[in-house]
Amino acid sequence: MRTVSDRGLRVAVLGAFALVAVAGCFSERVAAPERNPDLCTNNDPAVIRVRNFSFQPAQLTVQPGTEVTWVNCGPDQHTSTSDAGVWSSGLLAPNAVFRRTFNQAGSFPYHCDPHPFMMGTIVVQ
């Protein structure tokens, strides 16, 4: 005869195994984020520095095929997230880097998910 506690224990054990299995699959697919504090001080025109709760520069104009780099130069986590859902960097820790190549002409507004008042635009022409 099964008791409620036996069933509860089985559910808990199966749930724990499922959680470990999912976590293991997730960790295998995610590469370690690139970190490059030197990008906070260099003069590369295709680098957007995230500091003082702003994207610097807030608007960047590039040619098609340009790889744009965001680097978090501050102590708080931020994202670069397309307003249209085209890309999302995920949370960028201090000195973490996100890169995206823009191949098509247009205007691409973006924001920081945790701080939606932080906004920027990539203009490709």
PDB file of N, CA and C in Angstrom:
ATOM      1  N   MET A   1       0.832  -1.180   0.000  1.00  0.00           N
ATOM      2  CA  MET A   1       0.000   0.000   0.000  1.00  0.00           C
ATOM      3  C   MET A   1       0.883   1.253   0.000  1.00  0.00           C
ATOM      4  N   ARG A   2       0.586   2.142  -0.897  1.00  0.00           N
ATOM      5  CA  ARG A   2       1.365   3.382  -0.994  1.00  0.00           C
ATOM      6  C   ARG A   2       0.803   4.423  -0.051  1.00  0.00           C
ATOM      7  N   THR A   3       1.708   5.145   0.556  1.00  0.00           N
ATOM      8  CA  THR A   3       1.263   6.227   1.427  1.00  0.00           C
ATOM      9  C   THR A   3       1.544   7.552   0.740  1.00  0.00           C
ATOM     10  N   VAL A   4       0.936   8.595   1.239  1.00  0.00           N
ATOM     11  CA  VAL A   4       1.140   9.929   0.677  1.00  0.00           C
ATOM     12  C   VAL A   4       2.608  10.325   0.778  1.00  0.00           C
ATOM     13  N   SER A   5       3.266   9.963   1.871  1.00  0.00           N
ATOM     14  CA  SER A   5       4.669  10.354   2.042  1.00  0.00           C
ATOM     15  C   SER A   5       5.567   9.642   1.032  1.00  0.00           C
ATOM     16  N   ASP A   6       5.266   8.363   0.691  1.00  0.00           N
ATOM     17  CA  ASP A   6       6.050   7.661  -0.324  1.00  0.00           C
ATOM     18  C   ASP A   6       5.909   8.354  -1.677  1.00  0.00           C
ATOM     19  N   ARG A   7       4.687   8.702  -2.026  1.00  0.00           N
ATOM     20  CA  ARG A   7       4.447   9.366  -3.308  1.00  0.00           C
ATOM     21  C   ARG A   7       5.132  10.731  -3.332  1.00  0.00           C
ATOM     22  N   GLY A   8       5.029  11.463  -2.267  1.00  0.00           N
ATOM     23  CA  GLY A   8       5.670  12.775  -2.189  1.00  0.00           C
ATOM     24  C   GLY A   8       7.176  12.682  -2.324  1.00  0.00           C
ATOM     25  N   LEU A   9       7.750  11.654  -1.700  1.00  0.00           N
ATOM     26  CA  LEU A   9       9.191  11.449  -1.790  1.00  0.00           C
ATOM     27  C   LEU A   9       9.600  11.139  -3.223  1.00  0.00           C
ATOM     28  N   ARG A  10       8.849  10.286  -3.904  1.00  0.00           N
ATOM     29  CA  ARG A  10       9.161   9.950  -5.296  1.00  0.00           C
ATOM     30  C   ARG A  10       9.075  11.187  -6.183  1.00  0.00           C
ATOM     31  N   VAL A  11       8.053  11.999  -5.999  1.00  0.00           N
ATOM     32  CA  VAL A  11       7.892  13.222  -6.790  1.00  0.00           C
ATOM     33  C   VAL A  11       9.065  14.164  -6.543  1.00  0.00           C
ATOM     34  N   ALA A  12       9.463  14.303  -5.295  1.00  0.00           N
ATOM     35  CA  ALA A  12      10.582  15.183  -4.965  1.00  0.00           C
ATOM     36  C   ALA A  12      11.882  14.684  -5.585  1.00  0.00           C
ATOM     37  N   VAL A  13      12.122  13.376  -5.518  1.00  0.00           N
ATOM     38  CA  VAL A  13      13.348  12.808  -6.078  1.00  0.00           C
ATOM     39  C   VAL A  13      13.363  12.967  -7.593  1.00  0.00           C
ATOM     40  N   LEU A  14      12.245  12.648  -8.255  1.00  0.00           N
ATOM     41  CA  LEU A  14      12.169  12.796  -9.703  1.00  0.00           C
ATOM     42  C   LEU A  14      12.344  14.259 -10.111  1.00  0.00           C
ATOM     43  N   GLY A  15      11.747  15.162  -9.358  1.00  0.00           N
ATOM     44  CA  GLY A  15      11.907  16.589  -9.646  1.00  0.00           C
ATOM     45  C   GLY A  15      13.354  17.035  -9.523  1.00  0.00           C
ATOM     46  N   ALA A  16      14.042  16.549  -8.505  1.00  0.00           N
ATOM     47  CA  ALA A  16      15.455  16.899  -8.319  1.00  0.00           C
ATOM     48  C   ALA A  16      16.299  16.376  -9.479  1.00  0.00           C
ATOM     49  N   PHE A  17      16.056  15.140  -9.913  1.00  0.00           N
ATOM     50  CA  PHE A  17      16.798  14.594 -11.058  1.00  0.00           C
ATOM     51  C   PHE A  17      16.525  15.404 -12.317  1.00  0.00           C
ATOM     52  N   ALA A  18      15.283  15.782 -12.541  1.00  0.00           N
ATOM     53  CA  ALA A  18      14.941  16.574 -13.724  1.00  0.00           C
ATOM     54  C   ALA A  18      15.643  17.922 -13.687  1.00  0.00           C
ATOM     55  N   LEU A  19      15.674  18.553 -12.524  1.00  0.00           N
ATOM     56  CA  LEU A  19      16.342  19.843 -12.390  1.00  0.00           C
ATOM     57  C   LEU A  19      17.829  19.726 -12.676  1.00  0.00           C
ATOM     58  N   VAL A  20      18.473  18.695 -12.160  1.00  0.00           N
ATOM     59  CA  VAL A  20      19.902  18.479 -12.411  1.00  0.00           C
ATOM     60  C   VAL A  20      20.140  18.215 -13.892  1.00  0.00           C
ATOM     61  N   ALA A  21      19.289  17.425 -14.517  1.00  0.00           N
ATOM     62  CA  ALA A  21      19.444  17.117 -15.944  1.00  0.00           C
ATOM     63  C   ALA A  21      19.304  18.367 -16.793  1.00  0.00           C
ATOM     64  N   VAL A  22      18.305  19.190 -16.505  1.00  0.00           N
ATOM     65  CA  VAL A  22      18.114  20.423 -17.264  1.00  0.00           C
ATOM     66  C   VAL A  22      19.278  21.367 -17.026  1.00  0.00           C
ATOM     67  N   ALA A  23      19.717  21.519 -15.809  1.00  0.00           N
ATOM     68  CA  ALA A  23      20.843  22.408 -15.505  1.00  0.00           C
ATOM     69  C   ALA A  23      22.097  21.938 -16.210  1.00  0.00           C
ATOM     70  N   GLY A  24      22.310  20.626 -16.252  1.00  0.00           N
ATOM     71  CA  GLY A  24      23.486  20.097 -16.938  1.00  0.00           C
ATOM     72  C   GLY A  24      23.450  20.384 -18.418  1.00  0.00           C
ATOM     73  N   CYS A  25      22.298  20.250 -19.051  1.00  0.00           N
ATOM     74  CA  CYS A  25      22.171  20.546 -20.482  1.00  0.00           C
ATOM     75  C   CYS A  25      22.398  22.021 -20.737  1.00  0.00           C
ATOM     76  N   PHE A  26      21.848  22.857 -19.888  1.00  0.00           N
ATOM     77  CA  PHE A  26      21.990  24.300 -20.067  1.00  0.00           C
ATOM     78  C   PHE A  26      23.442  24.720 -19.944  1.00  0.00           C
ATOM     79  N   SER A  27      24.142  24.211 -18.947  1.00  0.00           N
ATOM     80  CA  SER A  27      25.518  24.651 -18.732  1.00  0.00           C
ATOM     81  C   SER A  27      26.437  24.196 -19.854  1.00  0.00           C
ATOM     82  N   GLU A  28      26.110  23.094 -20.516  1.00  0.00           N
ATOM     83  CA  GLU A  28      26.945  22.631 -21.611  1.00  0.00           C
ATOM     84  C   GLU A  28      26.797  23.505 -22.849  1.00  0.00           C
ATOM     85  N   ARG A  29      25.661  24.167 -22.998  1.00  0.00           N
ATOM     86  CA  ARG A  29      25.403  24.965 -24.193  1.00  0.00           C
ATOM     87  C   ARG A  29      25.876  26.409 -24.069  1.00  0.00           C
ATOM     88  N   VAL A  30      26.109  26.873 -22.877  1.00  0.00           N
ATOM     89  CA  VAL A  30      26.452  28.274 -22.664  1.00  0.00           C
ATOM     90  C   VAL A  30      27.962  28.414 -22.527  1.00  0.00           C
ATOM     91  N   ALA A  31      28.556  29.178 -23.427  1.00  0.00           N
ATOM     92  CA  ALA A  31      29.990  29.422 -23.362  1.00  0.00           C
ATOM     93  C   ALA A  31      30.267  30.492 -22.316  1.00  0.00           C
ATOM     94  N   ALA A  32      31.447  30.463 -21.777  1.00  0.00           N
ATOM     95  CA  ALA A  32      31.845  31.481 -20.804  1.00  0.00           C
ATOM     96  C   ALA A  32      31.860  32.842 -21.504  1.00  0.00           C
ATOM     97  N   PRO A  33      31.310  33.873 -20.875  1.00  0.00           N
ATOM     98  CA  PRO A  33      31.282  35.187 -21.514  1.00  0.00           C
ATOM     99  C   PRO A  33      32.686  35.761 -21.655  1.00  0.00           C
ATOM    100  N   GLU A  34      32.858  36.481 -22.728  1.00  0.00           N
ATOM    101  CA  GLU A  34      34.141  37.157 -22.949  1.00  0.00           C
ATOM    102  C   GLU A  34      34.236  38.339 -21.999  1.00  0.00           C
ATOM    103  N   ARG A  35      35.409  38.537 -21.454  1.00  0.00           N
ATOM    104  CA  ARG A  35      35.658  39.707 -20.598  1.00  0.00           C
ATOM    105  C   ARG A  35      36.875  40.432 -21.152  1.00  0.00           C
ATOM    106  N   ASN A  36      36.755  41.753 -21.297  1.00  0.00           N
ATOM    107  CA  ASN A  36      37.851  42.517 -21.857  1.00  0.00           C
ATOM    108  C   ASN A  36      37.814  43.941 -21.317  1.00  0.00           C
ATOM    109  N   PRO A  37      38.423  44.185 -20.164  1.00  0.00           N
ATOM    110  CA  PRO A  37      38.399  45.531 -19.586  1.00  0.00           C
ATOM    111  C   PRO A  37      39.151  46.553 -20.430  1.00  0.00           C
ATOM    112  N   ASP A  38      40.062  46.105 -21.313  1.00  0.00           N
ATOM    113  CA  ASP A  38      40.801  47.049 -22.167  1.00  0.00           C
ATOM    114  C   ASP A  38      39.871  47.802 -23.116  1.00  0.00           C
ATOM    115  N   LEU A  39      38.736  47.203 -23.461  1.00  0.00           N
ATOM    116  CA  LEU A  39      37.799  47.879 -24.354  1.00  0.00           C
ATOM    117  C   LEU A  39      37.184  49.122 -23.704  1.00  0.00           C
ATOM    118  N   CYS A  40      37.248  49.221 -22.396  1.00  0.00           N
ATOM    119  CA  CYS A  40      36.707  50.396 -21.703  1.00  0.00           C
ATOM    120  C   CYS A  40      37.574  51.630 -21.913  1.00  0.00           C
ATOM    121  N   THR A  41      38.819  51.429 -22.322  1.00  0.00           N
ATOM    122  CA  THR A  41      39.733  52.571 -22.447  1.00  0.00           C
ATOM    123  C   THR A  41      40.261  52.791 -23.863  1.00  0.00           C
ATOM    124  N   ASN A  42      40.038  51.863 -24.786  1.00  0.00           N
ATOM    125  CA  ASN A  42      40.578  52.072 -26.128  1.00  0.00           C
ATOM    126  C   ASN A  42      39.679  53.016 -26.928  1.00  0.00           C
ATOM    127  N   ASN A  43      40.103  53.358 -28.127  1.00  0.00           N
ATOM    128  CA  ASN A  43      39.372  54.324 -28.955  1.00  0.00           C
ATOM    129  C   ASN A  43      38.674  53.680 -30.138  1.00  0.00           C
ATOM    130  N   ASP A  44      38.376  52.405 -30.073  1.00  0.00           N
ATOM    131  CA  ASP A  44      37.714  51.719 -31.174  1.00  0.00           C
ATOM    132  C   ASP A  44      36.344  52.353 -31.411  1.00  0.00           C
ATOM    133  N   PRO A  45      36.069  52.848 -32.624  1.00  0.00           N
ATOM    134  CA  PRO A  45      34.797  53.535 -32.884  1.00  0.00           C
ATOM    135  C   PRO A  45      33.581  52.604 -32.915  1.00  0.00           C
ATOM    136  N   ALA A  46      33.781  51.303 -33.013  1.00  0.00           N
ATOM    137  CA  ALA A  46      32.645  50.378 -33.056  1.00  0.00           C
ATOM    138  C   ALA A  46      32.373  49.750 -31.689  1.00  0.00           C
ATOM    139  N   VAL A  47      32.862  50.388 -30.622  1.00  0.00           N
ATOM    140  CA  VAL A  47      32.642  49.897 -29.255  1.00  0.00           C
ATOM    141  C   VAL A  47      31.691  50.843 -28.536  1.00  0.00           C
ATOM    142  N   ILE A  48      30.678  50.253 -27.937  1.00  0.00           N
ATOM    143  CA  ILE A  48      29.756  51.012 -27.094  1.00  0.00           C
ATOM    144  C   ILE A  48      30.078  50.651 -25.656  1.00  0.00           C
ATOM    145  N   ARG A  49      30.414  51.650 -24.882  1.00  0.00           N
ATOM    146  CA  ARG A  49      30.754  51.444 -23.479  1.00  0.00           C
ATOM    147  C   ARG A  49      29.514  51.691 -22.622  1.00  0.00           C
ATOM    148  N   VAL A  50      29.231  50.758 -21.733  1.00  0.00           N
ATOM    149  CA  VAL A  50      28.099  50.896 -20.823  1.00  0.00           C
ATOM    150  C   VAL A  50      28.674  51.370 -19.499  1.00  0.00           C
ATOM    151  N   ARG A  51      28.387  52.624 -19.175  1.00  0.00           N
ATOM    152  CA  ARG A  51      28.873  53.173 -17.910  1.00  0.00           C
ATOM    153  C   ARG A  51      27.959  54.295 -17.452  1.00  0.00           C
ATOM    154  N   ASN A  52      27.925  54.486 -16.156  1.00  0.00           N
ATOM    155  CA  ASN A  52      27.087  55.529 -15.548  1.00  0.00           C
ATOM    156  C   ASN A  52      25.629  55.413 -16.003  1.00  0.00           C
ATOM    157  N   PHE A  53      25.146  54.166 -16.114  1.00  0.00           N
ATOM    158  CA  PHE A  53      23.776  53.892 -16.519  1.00  0.00           C
ATOM    159  C   PHE A  53      23.420  54.550 -17.854  1.00  0.00           C
ATOM    160  N   SER A  54      24.362  54.458 -18.810  1.00  0.00           N
ATOM    161  CA  SER A  54      24.106  54.953 -20.160  1.00  0.00           C
ATOM    162  C   SER A  54      24.955  54.179 -21.160  1.00  0.00           C
ATOM    163  N   PHE A  55      24.505  54.187 -22.413  1.00  0.00           N
ATOM    164  CA  PHE A  55      25.285  53.631 -23.518  1.00  0.00           C
ATOM    165  C   PHE A  55      26.074  54.784 -24.119  1.00  0.00           C
ATOM    166  N   GLN A  56      27.383  54.608 -24.266  1.00  0.00           N
ATOM    167  CA  GLN A  56      28.243  55.675 -24.780  1.00  0.00           C
ATOM    168  C   GLN A  56      29.029  55.175 -25.981  1.00  0.00           C
ATOM    169  N   PRO A  57      28.716  55.656 -27.186  1.00  0.00           N
ATOM    170  CA  PRO A  57      27.710  56.671 -27.505  1.00  0.00           C
ATOM    171  C   PRO A  57      26.301  56.071 -27.523  1.00  0.00           C
ATOM    172  N   ALA A  58      25.313  56.948 -27.349  1.00  0.00           N
ATOM    173  CA  ALA A  58      23.923  56.500 -27.353  1.00  0.00           C
ATOM    174  C   ALA A  58      23.461  56.171 -28.768  1.00  0.00           C
ATOM    175  N   GLN A  59      24.051  56.822 -29.754  1.00  0.00           N
ATOM    176  CA  GLN A  59      23.761  56.489 -31.156  1.00  0.00           C
ATOM    177  C   GLN A  59      25.076  56.235 -31.861  1.00  0.00           C
ATOM    178  N   LEU A  60      25.147  55.111 -32.555  1.00  0.00           N
ATOM    179  CA  LEU A  60      26.348  54.735 -33.286  1.00  0.00           C
ATOM    180  C   LEU A  60      25.960  54.468 -34.733  1.00  0.00           C
ATOM    181  N   THR A  61      26.644  55.128 -35.665  1.00  0.00           N
ATOM    182  CA  THR A  61      26.395  54.925 -37.090  1.00  0.00           C
ATOM    183  C   THR A  61      27.538  54.107 -37.666  1.00  0.00           C
ATOM    184  N   VAL A  62      27.178  53.005 -38.352  1.00  0.00           N
ATOM    185  CA  VAL A  62      28.173  52.098 -38.913  1.00  0.00           C
ATOM    186  C   VAL A  62      27.770  51.714 -40.334  1.00  0.00           C
ATOM    187  N   GLN A  63      28.700  51.100 -41.046  1.00  0.00           N
ATOM    188  CA  GLN A  63      28.422  50.578 -42.378  1.00  0.00           C
ATOM    189  C   GLN A  63      27.965  49.126 -42.261  1.00  0.00           C
ATOM    190  N   PRO A  64      27.224  48.626 -43.271  1.00  0.00           N
ATOM    191  CA  PRO A  64      26.813  47.215 -43.240  1.00  0.00           C
ATOM    192  C   PRO A  64      28.028  46.296 -43.100  1.00  0.00           C
ATOM    193  N   GLY A  65      27.872  45.244 -42.313  1.00  0.00           N
ATOM    194  CA  GLY A  65      28.957  44.296 -42.090  1.00  0.00           C
ATOM    195  C   GLY A  65      29.825  44.625 -40.894  1.00  0.00           C
ATOM    196  N   THR A  66      29.522  45.701 -40.189  1.00  0.00           N
ATOM    197  CA  THR A  66      30.323  46.111 -39.029  1.00  0.00           C
ATOM    198  C   THR A  66      29.919  45.311 -37.801  1.00  0.00           C
ATOM    199  N   GLU A  67      30.928  44.822 -37.090  1.00  0.00           N
ATOM    200  CA  GLU A  67      30.682  44.170 -35.805  1.00  0.00           C
ATOM    201  C   GLU A  67      30.710  45.242 -34.718  1.00  0.00           C
ATOM    202  N   VAL A  68      29.615  45.366 -34.002  1.00  0.00           N
ATOM    203  CA  VAL A  68      29.513  46.320 -32.903  1.00  0.00           C
ATOM    204  C   VAL A  68      29.743  45.556 -31.608  1.00  0.00           C
ATOM    205  N   THR A  69      30.507  46.158 -30.719  1.00  0.00           N
ATOM    206  CA  THR A  69      30.839  45.538 -29.437  1.00  0.00           C
ATOM    207  C   THR A  69      30.308  46.406 -28.303  1.00  0.00           C
ATOM    208  N   TRP A  70      29.604  45.783 -27.378  1.00  0.00           N
ATOM    209  CA  TRP A  70      29.206  46.446 -26.137  1.00  0.00           C
ATOM    210  C   TRP A  70      30.096  45.895 -25.029  1.00  0.00           C
ATOM    211  N   VAL A  71      30.617  46.767 -24.181  1.00  0.00           N
ATOM    212  CA  VAL A  71      31.401  46.323 -23.030  1.00  0.00           C
ATOM    213  C   VAL A  71      30.859  47.039 -21.790  1.00  0.00           C
ATOM    214  N   ASN A  72      30.645  46.275 -20.739  1.00  0.00           N
ATOM    215  CA  ASN A  72      30.129  46.837 -19.502  1.00  0.00           C
ATOM    216  C   ASN A  72      31.305  47.383 -18.693  1.00  0.00           C
ATOM    217  N   CYS A  73      31.404  48.696 -18.635  1.00  0.00           N
ATOM    218  CA  CYS A  73      32.518  49.359 -17.943  1.00  0.00           C
ATOM    219  C   CYS A  73      32.139  49.826 -16.544  1.00  0.00           C
ATOM    220  N   GLY A  74      31.006  49.392 -16.054  1.00  0.00           N
ATOM    221  CA  GLY A  74      30.567  49.802 -14.723  1.00  0.00           C
ATOM    222  C   GLY A  74      30.422  48.625 -13.785  1.00  0.00           C
ATOM    223  N   PRO A  75      30.021  48.896 -12.540  1.00  0.00           N
ATOM    224  CA  PRO A  75      29.924  47.844 -11.529  1.00  0.00           C
ATOM    225  C   PRO A  75      28.605  47.073 -11.537  1.00  0.00           C
ATOM    226  N   ASP A  76      27.589  47.565 -12.279  1.00  0.00           N
ATOM    227  CA  ASP A  76      26.276  46.922 -12.283  1.00  0.00           C
ATOM    228  C   ASP A  76      26.083  46.101 -13.557  1.00  0.00           C
ATOM    229  N   GLN A  77      25.203  45.098 -13.494  1.00  0.00           N
ATOM    230  CA  GLN A  77      24.906  44.293 -14.673  1.00  0.00           C
ATOM    231  C   GLN A  77      23.928  45.027 -15.582  1.00  0.00           C
ATOM    232  N   HIS A  78      24.136  44.877 -16.905  1.00  0.00           N
ATOM    233  CA  HIS A  78      23.290  45.523 -17.909  1.00  0.00           C
ATOM    234  C   HIS A  78      23.076  44.556 -19.066  1.00  0.00           C
ATOM    235  N   THR A  79      22.160  44.917 -19.964  1.00  0.00           N
ATOM    236  CA  THR A  79      21.970  44.159 -21.198  1.00  0.00           C
ATOM    237  C   THR A  79      21.988  45.117 -22.383  1.00  0.00           C
ATOM    238  N   SER A  80      22.177  44.554 -23.557  1.00  0.00           N
ATOM    239  CA  SER A  80      21.883  45.219 -24.822  1.00  0.00           C
ATOM    240  C   SER A  80      20.772  44.384 -25.431  1.00  0.00           C
ATOM    241  N   THR A  81      19.568  44.942 -25.463  1.00  0.00           N
ATOM    242  CA  THR A  81      18.403  44.195 -25.905  1.00  0.00           C
ATOM    243  C   THR A  81      17.659  44.981 -26.979  1.00  0.00           C
ATOM    244  N   SER A  82      17.540  44.381 -28.150  1.00  0.00           N
ATOM    245  CA  SER A  82      16.836  45.009 -29.262  1.00  0.00           C
ATOM    246  C   SER A  82      15.393  45.301 -28.891  1.00  0.00           C
ATOM    247  N   ASP A  83      14.914  46.500 -29.210  1.00  0.00           N
ATOM    248  CA  ASP A  83      13.510  46.843 -28.969  1.00  0.00           C
ATOM    249  C   ASP A  83      12.579  45.945 -29.784  1.00  0.00           C
ATOM    250  N   ALA A  84      13.061  45.454 -30.934  1.00  0.00           N
ATOM    251  CA  ALA A  84      12.248  44.607 -31.821  1.00  0.00           C
ATOM    252  C   ALA A  84      12.439  43.118 -31.548  1.00  0.00           C
ATOM    253  N   GLY A  85      13.222  42.772 -30.536  1.00  0.00           N
ATOM    254  CA  GLY A  85      13.441  41.369 -30.204  1.00  0.00           C
ATOM    255  C   GLY A  85      14.423  40.661 -31.124  1.00  0.00           C
ATOM    256  N   VAL A  86      15.269  41.411 -31.829  1.00  0.00           N
ATOM    257  CA  VAL A  86      16.223  40.826 -32.770  1.00  0.00           C
ATOM    258  C   VAL A  86      17.416  40.209 -32.039  1.00  0.00           C
ATOM    259  N   TRP A  87      17.867  40.826 -30.954  1.00  0.00           N
ATOM    260  CA  TRP A  87      18.992  40.289 -30.191  1.00  0.00           C
ATOM    261  C   TRP A  87      18.821  40.626 -28.713  1.00  0.00           C
ATOM    262  N   SER A  88      19.533  39.869 -27.907  1.00  0.00           N
ATOM    263  CA  SER A  88      19.639  40.148 -26.475  1.00  0.00           C
ATOM    264  C   SER A  88      20.967  39.599 -25.988  1.00  0.00           C
ATOM    265  N   SER A  89      21.709  40.426 -25.315  1.00  0.00           N
ATOM    266  CA  SER A  89      23.022  40.026 -24.817  1.00  0.00           C
ATOM    267  C   SER A  89      22.934  39.139 -23.587  1.00  0.00           C
ATOM    268  N   GLY A  90      21.802  39.146 -22.910  1.00  0.00           N
ATOM    269  CA  GLY A  90      21.766  38.572 -21.575  1.00  0.00           C
ATOM    270  C   GLY A  90      22.477  39.531 -20.640  1.00  0.00           C
ATOM    271  N   LEU A  91      22.475  39.229 -19.368  1.00  0.00           N
ATOM    272  CA  LEU A  91      23.114  40.122 -18.396  1.00  0.00           C
ATOM    273  C   LEU A  91      24.623  40.136 -18.606  1.00  0.00           C
ATOM    274  N   LEU A  92      25.169  41.340 -18.690  1.00  0.00           N
ATOM    275  CA  LEU A  92      26.611  41.524 -18.833  1.00  0.00           C
ATOM    276  C   LEU A  92      27.181  41.970 -17.494  1.00  0.00           C
ATOM    277  N   ALA A  93      28.024  41.154 -16.915  1.00  0.00           N
ATOM    278  CA  ALA A  93      28.714  41.500 -15.675  1.00  0.00           C
ATOM    279  C   ALA A  93      29.769  42.565 -15.977  1.00  0.00           C
ATOM    280  N   PRO A  94      30.362  43.177 -14.972  1.00  0.00           N
ATOM    281  CA  PRO A  94      31.426  44.139 -15.215  1.00  0.00           C
ATOM    282  C   PRO A  94      32.535  43.540 -16.100  1.00  0.00           C
ATOM    283  N   ASN A  95      32.959  44.312 -17.084  1.00  0.00           N
ATOM    284  CA  ASN A  95      33.986  43.961 -18.077  1.00  0.00           C
ATOM    285  C   ASN A  95      33.539  42.906 -19.084  1.00  0.00           C
ATOM    286  N   ALA A  96      32.297  42.454 -19.015  1.00  0.00           N
ATOM    287  CA  ALA A  96      31.809  41.468 -19.984  1.00  0.00           C
ATOM    288  C   ALA A  96      31.522  42.153 -21.315  1.00  0.00           C
ATOM    289  N   VAL A  97      31.612  41.368 -22.385  1.00  0.00           N
ATOM    290  CA  VAL A  97      31.516  41.875 -23.751  1.00  0.00           C
ATOM    291  C   VAL A  97      30.407  41.136 -24.493  1.00  0.00           C
ATOM    292  N   PHE A  98      29.693  41.875 -25.341  1.00  0.00           N
ATOM    293  CA  PHE A  98      28.709  41.302 -26.258  1.00  0.00           C
ATOM    294  C   PHE A  98      28.992  41.871 -27.637  1.00  0.00           C
ATOM    295  N   ARG A  99      28.967  41.007 -28.656  1.00  0.00           N
ATOM    296  CA  ARG A  99      29.247  41.434 -30.034  1.00  0.00           C
ATOM    297  C   ARG A  99      28.097  41.024 -30.945  1.00  0.00           C
ATOM    298  N   ARG A 100      27.809  41.908 -31.911  1.00  0.00           N
ATOM    299  CA  ARG A 100      26.797  41.604 -32.920  1.00  0.00           C
ATOM    300  C   ARG A 100      27.180  42.303 -34.217  1.00  0.00           C
ATOM    301  N   THR A 101      27.069  41.574 -35.328  1.00  0.00           N
ATOM    302  CA  THR A 101      27.351  42.139 -36.643  1.00  0.00           C
ATOM    303  C   THR A 101      26.057  42.624 -37.268  1.00  0.00           C
ATOM    304  N   PHE A 102      26.086  43.839 -37.800  1.00  0.00           N
ATOM    305  CA  PHE A 102      24.924  44.449 -38.439  1.00  0.00           C
ATOM    306  C   PHE A 102      25.160  44.455 -39.946  1.00  0.00           C
ATOM    307  N   ASN A 103      24.387  43.630 -40.659  1.00  0.00           N
ATOM    308  CA  ASN A 103      24.577  43.474 -42.103  1.00  0.00           C
ATOM    309  C   ASN A 103      23.605  44.277 -42.946  1.00  0.00           C
ATOM    310  N   GLN A 104      22.448  44.617 -42.412  1.00  0.00           N
ATOM    311  CA  GLN A 104      21.433  45.308 -43.199  1.00  0.00           C
ATOM    312  C   GLN A 104      21.277  46.749 -42.748  1.00  0.00           C
ATOM    313  N   ALA A 105      21.018  47.629 -43.739  1.00  0.00           N
ATOM    314  CA  ALA A 105      20.796  49.043 -43.440  1.00  0.00           C
ATOM    315  C   ALA A 105      19.520  49.204 -42.627  1.00  0.00           C
ATOM    316  N   GLY A 106      19.522  50.193 -41.776  1.00  0.00           N
ATOM    317  CA  GLY A 106      18.340  50.495 -40.974  1.00  0.00           C
ATOM    318  C   GLY A 106      18.717  51.112 -39.649  1.00  0.00           C
ATOM    319  N   SER A 107      17.710  51.375 -38.860  1.00  0.00           N
ATOM    320  CA  SER A 107      17.889  51.944 -37.531  1.00  0.00           C
ATOM    321  C   SER A 107      17.446  50.884 -36.525  1.00  0.00           C
ATOM    322  N   PHE A 108      18.297  50.586 -35.563  1.00  0.00           N
ATOM    323  CA  PHE A 108      18.064  49.490 -34.628  1.00  0.00           C
ATOM    324  C   PHE A 108      18.114  50.006 -33.189  1.00  0.00           C
ATOM    325  N   PRO A 109      16.965  50.411 -32.650  1.00  0.00           N
ATOM    326  CA  PRO A 109      16.941  50.874 -31.256  1.00  0.00           C
ATOM    327  C   PRO A 109      17.065  49.700 -30.285  1.00  0.00           C
ATOM    328  N   TYR A 110      17.675  49.972 -29.151  1.00  0.00           N
ATOM    329  CA  TYR A 110      17.852  48.943 -28.127  1.00  0.00           C
ATOM    330  C   TYR A 110      17.807  49.591 -26.751  1.00  0.00           C
ATOM    331  N   HIS A 111      17.777  48.760 -25.724  1.00  0.00           N
ATOM    332  CA  HIS A 111      17.673  49.235 -24.343  1.00  0.00           C
ATOM    333  C   HIS A 111      18.349  48.230 -23.414  1.00  0.00           C
ATOM    334  N   CYS A 112      18.385  48.572 -22.147  1.00  0.00           N
ATOM    335  CA  CYS A 112      18.864  47.676 -21.092  1.00  0.00           C
ATOM    336  C   CYS A 112      17.635  47.134 -20.372  1.00  0.00           C
ATOM    337  N   ASP A 113      17.489  45.800 -20.319  1.00  0.00           N
ATOM    338  CA  ASP A 113      16.302  45.212 -19.677  1.00  0.00           C
ATOM    339  C   ASP A 113      16.131  45.634 -18.221  1.00  0.00           C
ATOM    340  N   PRO A 114      17.167  45.529 -17.368  1.00  0.00           N
ATOM    341  CA  PRO A 114      16.949  45.914 -15.971  1.00  0.00           C
ATOM    342  C   PRO A 114      16.783  47.425 -15.773  1.00  0.00           C
ATOM    343  N   HIS A 115      17.246  48.213 -16.755  1.00  0.00           N
ATOM    344  CA  HIS A 115      17.201  49.680 -16.632  1.00  0.00           C
ATOM    345  C   HIS A 115      16.634  50.247 -17.940  1.00  0.00           C
ATOM    346  N   PRO A 116      15.316  50.156 -18.167  1.00  0.00           N
ATOM    347  CA  PRO A 116      14.733  50.528 -19.463  1.00  0.00           C
ATOM    348  C   PRO A 116      14.909  51.991 -19.850  1.00  0.00           C
ATOM    349  N   PHE A 117      15.313  52.834 -18.914  1.00  0.00           N
ATOM    350  CA  PHE A 117      15.594  54.230 -19.246  1.00  0.00           C
ATOM    351  C   PHE A 117      16.907  54.355 -20.020  1.00  0.00           C
ATOM    352  N   MET A 118      17.708  53.296 -20.014  1.00  0.00           N
ATOM    353  CA  MET A 118      18.953  53.270 -20.794  1.00  0.00           C
ATOM    354  C   MET A 118      18.598  52.852 -22.215  1.00  0.00           C
ATOM    355  N   MET A 119      18.789  53.747 -23.180  1.00  0.00           N
ATOM    356  CA  MET A 119      18.416  53.476 -24.558  1.00  0.00           C
ATOM    357  C   MET A 119      19.542  53.877 -25.507  1.00  0.00           C
ATOM    358  N   GLY A 120      19.600  53.188 -26.622  1.00  0.00           N
ATOM    359  CA  GLY A 120      20.566  53.509 -27.652  1.00  0.00           C
ATOM    360  C   GLY A 120      20.032  53.109 -29.008  1.00  0.00           C
ATOM    361  N   THR A 121      20.772  53.495 -30.059  1.00  0.00           N
ATOM    362  CA  THR A 121      20.380  53.160 -31.421  1.00  0.00           C
ATOM    363  C   THR A 121      21.631  52.883 -32.247  1.00  0.00           C
ATOM    364  N   ILE A 122      21.555  51.802 -33.027  1.00  0.00           N
ATOM    365  CA  ILE A 122      22.578  51.526 -34.038  1.00  0.00           C
ATOM    366  C   ILE A 122      21.960  51.907 -35.373  1.00  0.00           C
ATOM    367  N   VAL A 123      22.644  52.775 -36.116  1.00  0.00           N
ATOM    368  CA  VAL A 123      22.193  53.177 -37.443  1.00  0.00           C
ATOM    369  C   VAL A 123      23.162  52.563 -38.443  1.00  0.00           C
ATOM    370  N   VAL A 124      22.638  51.766 -39.367  1.00  0.00           N
ATOM    371  CA  VAL A 124      23.462  51.124 -40.380  1.00  0.00           C
ATOM    372  C   VAL A 124      23.110  51.753 -41.719  1.00  0.00           C
ATOM    373  N   GLN A 125      24.129  52.374 -42.360  1.00  0.00           N
ATOM    374  CA  GLN A 125      23.905  53.013 -43.655  1.00  0.00           C
ATOM    375  C   GLN A 125      25.080  52.862 -44.580  1.00  0.00           C
TER     376      GLN A 125
END
